[in-house]
Amino acid sequence: MPYIRVRCNRPLTAETVKELQKELGKTITLFPGKTEKWLMTDCEGDCALSLAGSADRPLAMIEVELLGRAKPEAYEAVTRDLTELMERVAGIPGEGVYIKYENLEYWGWNGANF
């Protein structure tokens, strides 16, 4: 049950959101055992993100939540992929992309927990 939330301080067109969602479905497979089938995404533009007190440059905050844990090299691969994706699709350079990972022990769905 992975979840990826992308927040940017720049506008995201409907086309850009669709492309991000499609590519996030590929990115999640870099974690062994994770597939697009269970991936939920949330992509939002025009957020009030700032860094060092300034919102003058393009920024993105990405949150990745996973049920369980993966090996360190999987997180490294996902970080590289997400950073490249944000630059290529949303025009946000790597130095403006922050990624937070959260590993969960429990995940509820359909009235039960995994």
N, C-alpha and C. Protein backbone atom coordinates (compact mmCIF):
# COMPACT_ATOMS: atom_id res chain seq x y z
N MET A 1 0.82 -1.19 0.00
CA MET A 1 0.00 0.00 0.00
C MET A 1 0.86 1.25 0.00
N PRO A 2 1.48 1.59 -1.08
CA PRO A 2 2.24 2.83 -1.11
C PRO A 2 1.36 4.05 -1.41
N TYR A 3 1.82 5.18 -0.94
CA TYR A 3 1.16 6.47 -1.18
C TYR A 3 2.25 7.48 -1.48
N ILE A 4 2.07 8.26 -2.55
CA ILE A 4 3.02 9.31 -2.88
C ILE A 4 2.26 10.62 -3.04
N ARG A 5 2.68 11.61 -2.27
CA ARG A 5 2.10 12.95 -2.33
C ARG A 5 3.15 13.91 -2.86
N VAL A 6 2.78 14.65 -3.89
CA VAL A 6 3.68 15.65 -4.51
C VAL A 6 3.03 17.01 -4.34
N ARG A 7 3.78 17.92 -3.72
CA ARG A 7 3.31 19.31 -3.56
C ARG A 7 4.36 20.22 -4.17
N CYS A 8 3.91 21.17 -4.99
CA CYS A 8 4.82 22.11 -5.67
C CYS A 8 4.36 23.53 -5.41
N ASN A 9 5.29 24.46 -5.44
CA ASN A 9 4.92 25.86 -5.30
C ASN A 9 4.70 26.52 -6.65
N ARG A 10 4.61 25.74 -7.69
CA ARG A 10 4.33 26.21 -9.04
C ARG A 10 3.04 25.54 -9.52
N PRO A 11 2.37 26.16 -10.49
CA PRO A 11 1.15 25.53 -11.01
C PRO A 11 1.45 24.20 -11.71
N LEU A 12 0.51 23.27 -11.61
CA LEU A 12 0.58 22.00 -12.32
C LEU A 12 -0.65 21.90 -13.21
N THR A 13 -0.45 21.79 -14.50
CA THR A 13 -1.59 21.62 -15.40
C THR A 13 -2.16 20.22 -15.24
N ALA A 14 -3.37 20.02 -15.75
CA ALA A 14 -3.99 18.69 -15.72
C ALA A 14 -3.12 17.69 -16.46
N GLU A 15 -2.52 18.10 -17.56
CA GLU A 15 -1.62 17.22 -18.32
C GLU A 15 -0.39 16.84 -17.50
N THR A 16 0.18 17.82 -16.80
CA THR A 16 1.35 17.55 -15.97
C THR A 16 1.01 16.59 -14.84
N VAL A 17 -0.12 16.78 -14.20
CA VAL A 17 -0.55 15.88 -13.13
C VAL A 17 -0.72 14.46 -13.66
N LYS A 18 -1.35 14.34 -14.82
CA LYS A 18 -1.55 13.02 -15.42
C LYS A 18 -0.22 12.34 -15.71
N GLU A 19 0.74 13.10 -16.24
CA GLU A 19 2.07 12.55 -16.54
C GLU A 19 2.80 12.15 -15.25
N LEU A 20 2.71 13.00 -14.22
CA LEU A 20 3.32 12.67 -12.93
C LEU A 20 2.73 11.38 -12.37
N GLN A 21 1.42 11.25 -12.40
CA GLN A 21 0.78 10.05 -11.86
C GLN A 21 1.22 8.81 -12.62
N LYS A 22 1.31 8.92 -13.94
CA LYS A 22 1.76 7.78 -14.75
C LYS A 22 3.19 7.39 -14.39
N GLU A 23 4.06 8.37 -14.27
CA GLU A 23 5.46 8.11 -13.96
C GLU A 23 5.66 7.63 -12.53
N LEU A 24 4.86 8.12 -11.59
CA LEU A 24 4.94 7.65 -10.21
C LEU A 24 4.60 6.17 -10.13
N GLY A 25 3.70 5.72 -11.00
CA GLY A 25 3.37 4.30 -11.08
C GLY A 25 4.56 3.45 -11.47
N LYS A 26 5.45 4.01 -12.28
CA LYS A 26 6.68 3.31 -12.66
C LYS A 26 7.71 3.38 -11.53
N THR A 27 7.81 4.54 -10.93
CA THR A 27 8.79 4.75 -9.85
C THR A 27 8.57 3.80 -8.69
N ILE A 28 7.32 3.57 -8.33
CA ILE A 28 7.04 2.75 -7.14
C ILE A 28 7.58 1.34 -7.29
N THR A 29 7.73 0.86 -8.52
CA THR A 29 8.23 -0.50 -8.74
C THR A 29 9.72 -0.63 -8.41
N LEU A 30 10.39 0.49 -8.14
CA LEU A 30 11.79 0.43 -7.70
C LEU A 30 11.90 -0.13 -6.28
N PHE A 31 10.78 -0.12 -5.56
CA PHE A 31 10.72 -0.80 -4.27
C PHE A 31 10.30 -2.24 -4.52
N PRO A 32 11.10 -3.20 -4.15
CA PRO A 32 10.72 -4.61 -4.37
C PRO A 32 9.35 -4.93 -3.77
N GLY A 33 8.52 -5.57 -4.57
CA GLY A 33 7.20 -5.98 -4.12
C GLY A 33 6.12 -4.93 -4.22
N LYS A 34 6.46 -3.71 -4.59
CA LYS A 34 5.46 -2.65 -4.71
C LYS A 34 5.07 -2.48 -6.18
N THR A 35 3.78 -2.26 -6.41
CA THR A 35 3.29 -2.11 -7.78
C THR A 35 2.33 -0.93 -7.87
N GLU A 36 2.08 -0.51 -9.08
CA GLU A 36 1.15 0.58 -9.32
C GLU A 36 -0.28 0.20 -8.91
N LYS A 37 -0.57 -1.08 -8.91
CA LYS A 37 -1.92 -1.57 -8.60
C LYS A 37 -2.43 -1.02 -7.26
N TRP A 38 -1.54 -0.90 -6.28
CA TRP A 38 -1.95 -0.45 -4.95
C TRP A 38 -1.52 0.99 -4.66
N LEU A 39 -0.92 1.67 -5.62
CA LEU A 39 -0.38 3.02 -5.39
C LEU A 39 -1.49 4.07 -5.43
N MET A 40 -1.53 4.90 -4.39
CA MET A 40 -2.38 6.08 -4.39
C MET A 40 -1.47 7.30 -4.50
N THR A 41 -1.86 8.25 -5.34
CA THR A 41 -1.07 9.47 -5.52
C THR A 41 -1.92 10.70 -5.25
N ASP A 42 -1.24 11.77 -4.92
CA ASP A 42 -1.87 13.07 -4.71
C ASP A 42 -0.89 14.11 -5.21
N CYS A 43 -1.25 14.81 -6.27
CA CYS A 43 -0.36 15.82 -6.86
C CYS A 43 -1.05 17.18 -6.78
N GLU A 44 -0.36 18.14 -6.19
CA GLU A 44 -0.95 19.45 -5.96
C GLU A 44 0.04 20.55 -6.31
N GLY A 45 -0.40 21.50 -7.09
CA GLY A 45 0.42 22.66 -7.43
C GLY A 45 -0.05 23.90 -6.69
N ASP A 46 0.68 24.98 -6.86
CA ASP A 46 0.35 26.27 -6.25
C ASP A 46 0.30 26.20 -4.73
N CYS A 47 1.14 25.38 -4.12
CA CYS A 47 1.21 25.28 -2.66
C CYS A 47 2.11 26.37 -2.11
N ALA A 48 1.91 26.74 -0.89
CA ALA A 48 2.69 27.82 -0.26
C ALA A 48 3.99 27.26 0.31
N LEU A 49 4.81 26.66 -0.53
CA LEU A 49 6.11 26.14 -0.11
C LEU A 49 7.16 27.24 -0.21
N SER A 50 8.03 27.29 0.79
CA SER A 50 9.16 28.23 0.74
C SER A 50 10.38 27.52 1.32
N LEU A 51 11.54 28.02 0.97
CA LEU A 51 12.79 27.49 1.50
C LEU A 51 13.66 28.68 1.90
N ALA A 52 14.20 28.64 3.09
CA ALA A 52 15.01 29.74 3.61
C ALA A 52 14.25 31.06 3.56
N GLY A 53 12.93 30.98 3.82
CA GLY A 53 12.10 32.17 3.86
C GLY A 53 11.69 32.72 2.52
N SER A 54 11.97 32.00 1.43
CA SER A 54 11.66 32.52 0.10
C SER A 54 10.95 31.47 -0.75
N ALA A 55 9.97 31.92 -1.50
CA ALA A 55 9.25 31.07 -2.44
C ALA A 55 9.57 31.48 -3.87
N ASP A 56 10.70 32.17 -4.06
CA ASP A 56 11.07 32.70 -5.37
C ASP A 56 11.57 31.66 -6.36
N ARG A 57 11.92 30.47 -5.89
CA ARG A 57 12.40 29.44 -6.81
C ARG A 57 11.46 28.24 -6.78
N PRO A 58 11.46 27.44 -7.84
CA PRO A 58 10.59 26.27 -7.88
C PRO A 58 10.97 25.26 -6.81
N LEU A 59 9.96 24.79 -6.08
CA LEU A 59 10.16 23.82 -4.99
C LEU A 59 9.12 22.71 -5.06
N ALA A 60 9.52 21.55 -4.59
CA ALA A 60 8.59 20.42 -4.46
C ALA A 60 8.90 19.66 -3.18
N MET A 61 7.86 19.24 -2.51
CA MET A 61 7.97 18.37 -1.35
C MET A 61 7.23 17.09 -1.70
N ILE A 62 7.94 15.98 -1.64
CA ILE A 62 7.35 14.69 -1.98
C ILE A 62 7.37 13.80 -0.74
N GLU A 63 6.24 13.21 -0.43
CA GLU A 63 6.13 12.29 0.69
C GLU A 63 5.82 10.91 0.14
N VAL A 64 6.62 9.93 0.56
CA VAL A 64 6.44 8.55 0.13
C VAL A 64 6.17 7.71 1.38
N GLU A 65 5.01 7.07 1.42
CA GLU A 65 4.66 6.22 2.56
C GLU A 65 4.56 4.79 2.08
N LEU A 66 5.19 3.89 2.84
CA LEU A 66 5.22 2.47 2.48
C LEU A 66 4.79 1.62 3.67
N LEU A 67 4.11 0.54 3.37
CA LEU A 67 3.87 -0.48 4.37
C LEU A 67 5.13 -1.32 4.43
N GLY A 68 5.80 -1.33 5.58
CA GLY A 68 7.05 -2.06 5.72
C GLY A 68 8.25 -1.22 5.31
N ARG A 69 9.37 -1.90 5.12
CA ARG A 69 10.64 -1.24 4.80
C ARG A 69 11.26 -1.87 3.56
N ALA A 70 12.19 -1.12 2.98
CA ALA A 70 12.96 -1.62 1.84
C ALA A 70 14.44 -1.46 2.16
N LYS A 71 15.28 -2.00 1.31
CA LYS A 71 16.73 -1.85 1.49
C LYS A 71 17.15 -0.42 1.10
N PRO A 72 18.24 0.07 1.70
CA PRO A 72 18.69 1.44 1.42
C PRO A 72 18.86 1.76 -0.06
N GLU A 73 19.34 0.80 -0.84
CA GLU A 73 19.56 1.06 -2.27
C GLU A 73 18.25 1.33 -3.01
N ALA A 74 17.14 0.80 -2.53
CA ALA A 74 15.84 1.08 -3.16
C ALA A 74 15.45 2.54 -2.93
N TYR A 75 15.68 3.05 -1.71
CA TYR A 75 15.38 4.45 -1.43
C TYR A 75 16.26 5.37 -2.27
N GLU A 76 17.53 5.00 -2.43
CA GLU A 76 18.44 5.80 -3.27
C GLU A 76 17.94 5.86 -4.71
N ALA A 77 17.50 4.71 -5.24
CA ALA A 77 17.00 4.66 -6.61
C ALA A 77 15.73 5.49 -6.77
N VAL A 78 14.85 5.42 -5.79
CA VAL A 78 13.61 6.19 -5.85
C VAL A 78 13.91 7.69 -5.75
N THR A 79 14.83 8.07 -4.88
CA THR A 79 15.20 9.49 -4.77
C THR A 79 15.74 10.01 -6.10
N ARG A 80 16.63 9.26 -6.73
CA ARG A 80 17.16 9.68 -8.04
C ARG A 80 16.03 9.81 -9.05
N ASP A 81 15.15 8.81 -9.10
CA ASP A 81 14.07 8.80 -10.08
C ASP A 81 13.09 9.95 -9.85
N LEU A 82 12.70 10.18 -8.61
CA LEU A 82 11.76 11.27 -8.32
C LEU A 82 12.36 12.63 -8.62
N THR A 83 13.63 12.80 -8.30
CA THR A 83 14.30 14.08 -8.58
C THR A 83 14.34 14.35 -10.08
N GLU A 84 14.71 13.35 -10.85
CA GLU A 84 14.75 13.48 -12.31
C GLU A 84 13.36 13.73 -12.87
N LEU A 85 12.36 13.03 -12.34
CA LEU A 85 10.99 13.18 -12.79
C LEU A 85 10.49 14.60 -12.57
N MET A 86 10.74 15.16 -11.40
CA MET A 86 10.27 16.52 -11.12
C MET A 86 10.92 17.54 -12.03
N GLU A 87 12.19 17.34 -12.35
CA GLU A 87 12.86 18.26 -13.26
C GLU A 87 12.30 18.13 -14.67
N ARG A 88 12.15 16.89 -15.12
CA ARG A 88 11.71 16.63 -16.50
C ARG A 88 10.25 17.01 -16.73
N VAL A 89 9.37 16.66 -15.81
CA VAL A 89 7.94 16.84 -16.02
C VAL A 89 7.41 18.16 -15.45
N ALA A 90 7.90 18.56 -14.28
CA ALA A 90 7.37 19.75 -13.62
C ALA A 90 8.30 20.96 -13.68
N GLY A 91 9.51 20.78 -14.21
CA GLY A 91 10.44 21.90 -14.32
C GLY A 91 11.03 22.36 -13.00
N ILE A 92 11.10 21.47 -12.03
CA ILE A 92 11.66 21.82 -10.72
C ILE A 92 13.03 21.16 -10.60
N PRO A 93 14.09 21.95 -10.54
CA PRO A 93 15.44 21.38 -10.48
C PRO A 93 15.67 20.62 -9.17
N GLY A 94 16.61 19.70 -9.22
CA GLY A 94 16.91 18.82 -8.10
C GLY A 94 17.15 19.53 -6.78
N GLU A 95 17.80 20.69 -6.82
CA GLU A 95 18.08 21.39 -5.56
C GLU A 95 16.82 21.96 -4.92
N GLY A 96 15.70 21.90 -5.62
CA GLY A 96 14.43 22.35 -5.06
C GLY A 96 13.49 21.21 -4.71
N VAL A 97 13.97 19.97 -4.78
CA VAL A 97 13.13 18.80 -4.52
C VAL A 97 13.54 18.15 -3.20
N TYR A 98 12.60 18.06 -2.29
CA TYR A 98 12.82 17.39 -1.01
C TYR A 98 11.90 16.17 -0.96
N ILE A 99 12.41 15.07 -0.42
CA ILE A 99 11.65 13.82 -0.38
C ILE A 99 11.70 13.27 1.05
N LYS A 100 10.54 12.95 1.56
CA LYS A 100 10.41 12.38 2.91
C LYS A 100 9.84 10.98 2.77
N TYR A 101 10.48 10.03 3.45
CA TYR A 101 10.01 8.65 3.45
C TYR A 101 9.45 8.30 4.81
N GLU A 102 8.35 7.55 4.80
CA GLU A 102 7.77 7.07 6.04
C GLU A 102 7.42 5.60 5.86
N ASN A 103 7.88 4.79 6.79
CA ASN A 103 7.62 3.36 6.77
C ASN A 103 6.60 3.03 7.85
N LEU A 104 5.52 2.42 7.43
CA LEU A 104 4.41 2.15 8.34
C LEU A 104 4.31 0.67 8.68
N GLU A 105 3.95 0.41 9.91
CA GLU A 105 3.77 -0.97 10.35
C GLU A 105 2.36 -1.47 10.01
N TYR A 106 1.40 -0.55 10.04
CA TYR A 106 0.01 -0.92 9.77
C TYR A 106 -0.54 -0.03 8.66
N TRP A 107 -1.43 -0.61 7.86
CA TRP A 107 -2.12 0.15 6.83
C TRP A 107 -3.52 -0.43 6.72
N GLY A 108 -4.52 0.43 6.90
CA GLY A 108 -5.89 -0.03 6.84
C GLY A 108 -6.49 0.14 5.45
N TRP A 109 -7.32 -0.81 5.08
CA TRP A 109 -8.02 -0.75 3.80
C TRP A 109 -9.22 -1.68 3.84
N ASN A 110 -10.32 -1.21 3.35
CA ASN A 110 -11.51 -2.04 3.18
C ASN A 110 -11.94 -2.69 4.50
N GLY A 111 -11.85 -1.95 5.59
CA GLY A 111 -12.31 -2.42 6.88
C GLY A 111 -11.37 -3.33 7.65
N ALA A 112 -10.13 -3.50 7.13
CA ALA A 112 -9.16 -4.36 7.81
C ALA A 112 -7.76 -3.76 7.65
N ASN A 113 -6.80 -4.35 8.33
CA ASN A 113 -5.41 -3.90 8.24
C ASN A 113 -4.55 -4.93 7.53
N PHE A 114 -3.56 -4.43 6.81
CA PHE A 114 -2.59 -5.31 6.18
C PHE A 114 -1.57 -5.71 7.23
